[in-house]
């Protein structure tokens, strides 16, 4: 089998560190991004639930029928 000479085709070599930091960062950065997305989604969900409960229960509390 022939050895492919990539340098002749203008392909540059990268070290292991360069490969980890290319296109999105390191593994730890990926995990942090995943957790940020997850907690951001939970935060949005809870914000929507609380907003909806305020709209539903707010008028009842103001007239003295609600739980508070």
Protein backbone atom coordinates (compact mmCIF):
# COMPACT_ATOMS: atom_id res chain seq x y z
CA UNK A 1 0.00 0.00 0.00
CA UNK A 2 1.35 3.43 -0.93
CA UNK A 3 1.87 6.13 1.68
CA UNK A 4 -0.27 9.16 0.89
CA UNK A 5 1.75 12.38 0.96
CA UNK A 6 -0.77 14.92 2.21
CA UNK A 7 1.80 17.71 2.46
CA UNK A 8 2.04 17.72 -1.32
CA UNK A 9 -1.72 18.34 -1.43
CA UNK A 10 -1.43 21.42 0.85
CA UNK A 11 -2.88 19.59 3.87
CA UNK A 12 -1.49 20.88 7.15
CA UNK A 13 -0.88 18.70 10.17
CA UNK A 14 -2.47 19.45 13.53
CA UNK A 15 -1.41 18.44 17.00
CA UNK A 16 -3.76 16.70 19.42
CA UNK A 17 -4.32 20.00 21.27
CA UNK A 18 -5.17 21.84 18.05
CA UNK A 19 -7.66 19.13 17.09
CA UNK A 20 -9.41 19.35 20.47
CA UNK A 21 -9.74 23.13 20.22
CA UNK A 22 -10.99 23.22 16.64
CA UNK A 23 -14.70 23.41 15.78
CA UNK A 24 -16.31 23.96 19.15
CA UNK A 25 -13.63 23.55 21.76
CA UNK A 26 -12.71 20.83 24.18
CA UNK A 27 -14.75 18.05 25.71
CA UNK A 28 -15.24 20.05 28.90
CA UNK A 29 -16.50 23.00 26.88
CA UNK A 30 -19.00 20.72 25.16
CA UNK A 31 -20.29 19.43 28.49
CA UNK A 32 -20.63 22.98 29.83
CA UNK A 33 -22.55 24.01 26.69
CA UNK A 34 -24.84 20.99 27.08
CA UNK A 35 -25.58 21.80 30.73
CA UNK A 36 -26.20 25.47 29.91
CA UNK A 37 -28.69 24.44 27.25
CA UNK A 38 -30.42 22.00 29.58
CA UNK A 39 -30.73 24.42 32.49
CA UNK A 40 -31.73 27.21 30.13
CA UNK A 41 -34.61 25.05 28.90
CA UNK A 42 -35.68 24.20 32.45
CA UNK A 43 -35.53 27.88 33.40
CA UNK A 44 -37.72 28.82 30.43
CA UNK A 45 -40.22 26.07 31.30
CA UNK A 46 -40.47 27.15 34.93
CA UNK A 47 -40.81 30.80 33.93
CA UNK A 48 -43.71 29.88 31.62
CA UNK A 49 -45.43 27.76 34.30
CA UNK A 50 -45.15 30.49 36.93
CA UNK A 51 -46.43 33.10 34.47
CA UNK A 52 -49.41 30.93 33.59
CA UNK A 53 -50.23 30.27 37.25
CA UNK A 54 -50.03 33.99 37.99
CA UNK A 55 -52.50 34.70 35.17
CA UNK A 56 -54.89 31.99 36.39
CA UNK A 57 -54.67 32.46 40.14
CA UNK A 58 -53.99 36.22 40.28
CA UNK A 59 -57.61 37.30 39.79
CA UNK A 60 -58.84 34.70 42.30
CA UNK A 61 -56.39 35.87 44.95
CA UNK A 62 -57.39 39.51 44.37
CA UNK A 63 -61.06 38.76 45.10
CA UNK A 64 -60.29 36.53 48.11
CA UNK A 65 -61.15 33.13 46.64
CA UNK A 66 -57.61 31.91 46.01
CA UNK A 67 -55.36 29.82 48.29
CA UNK A 68 -53.41 32.77 49.75
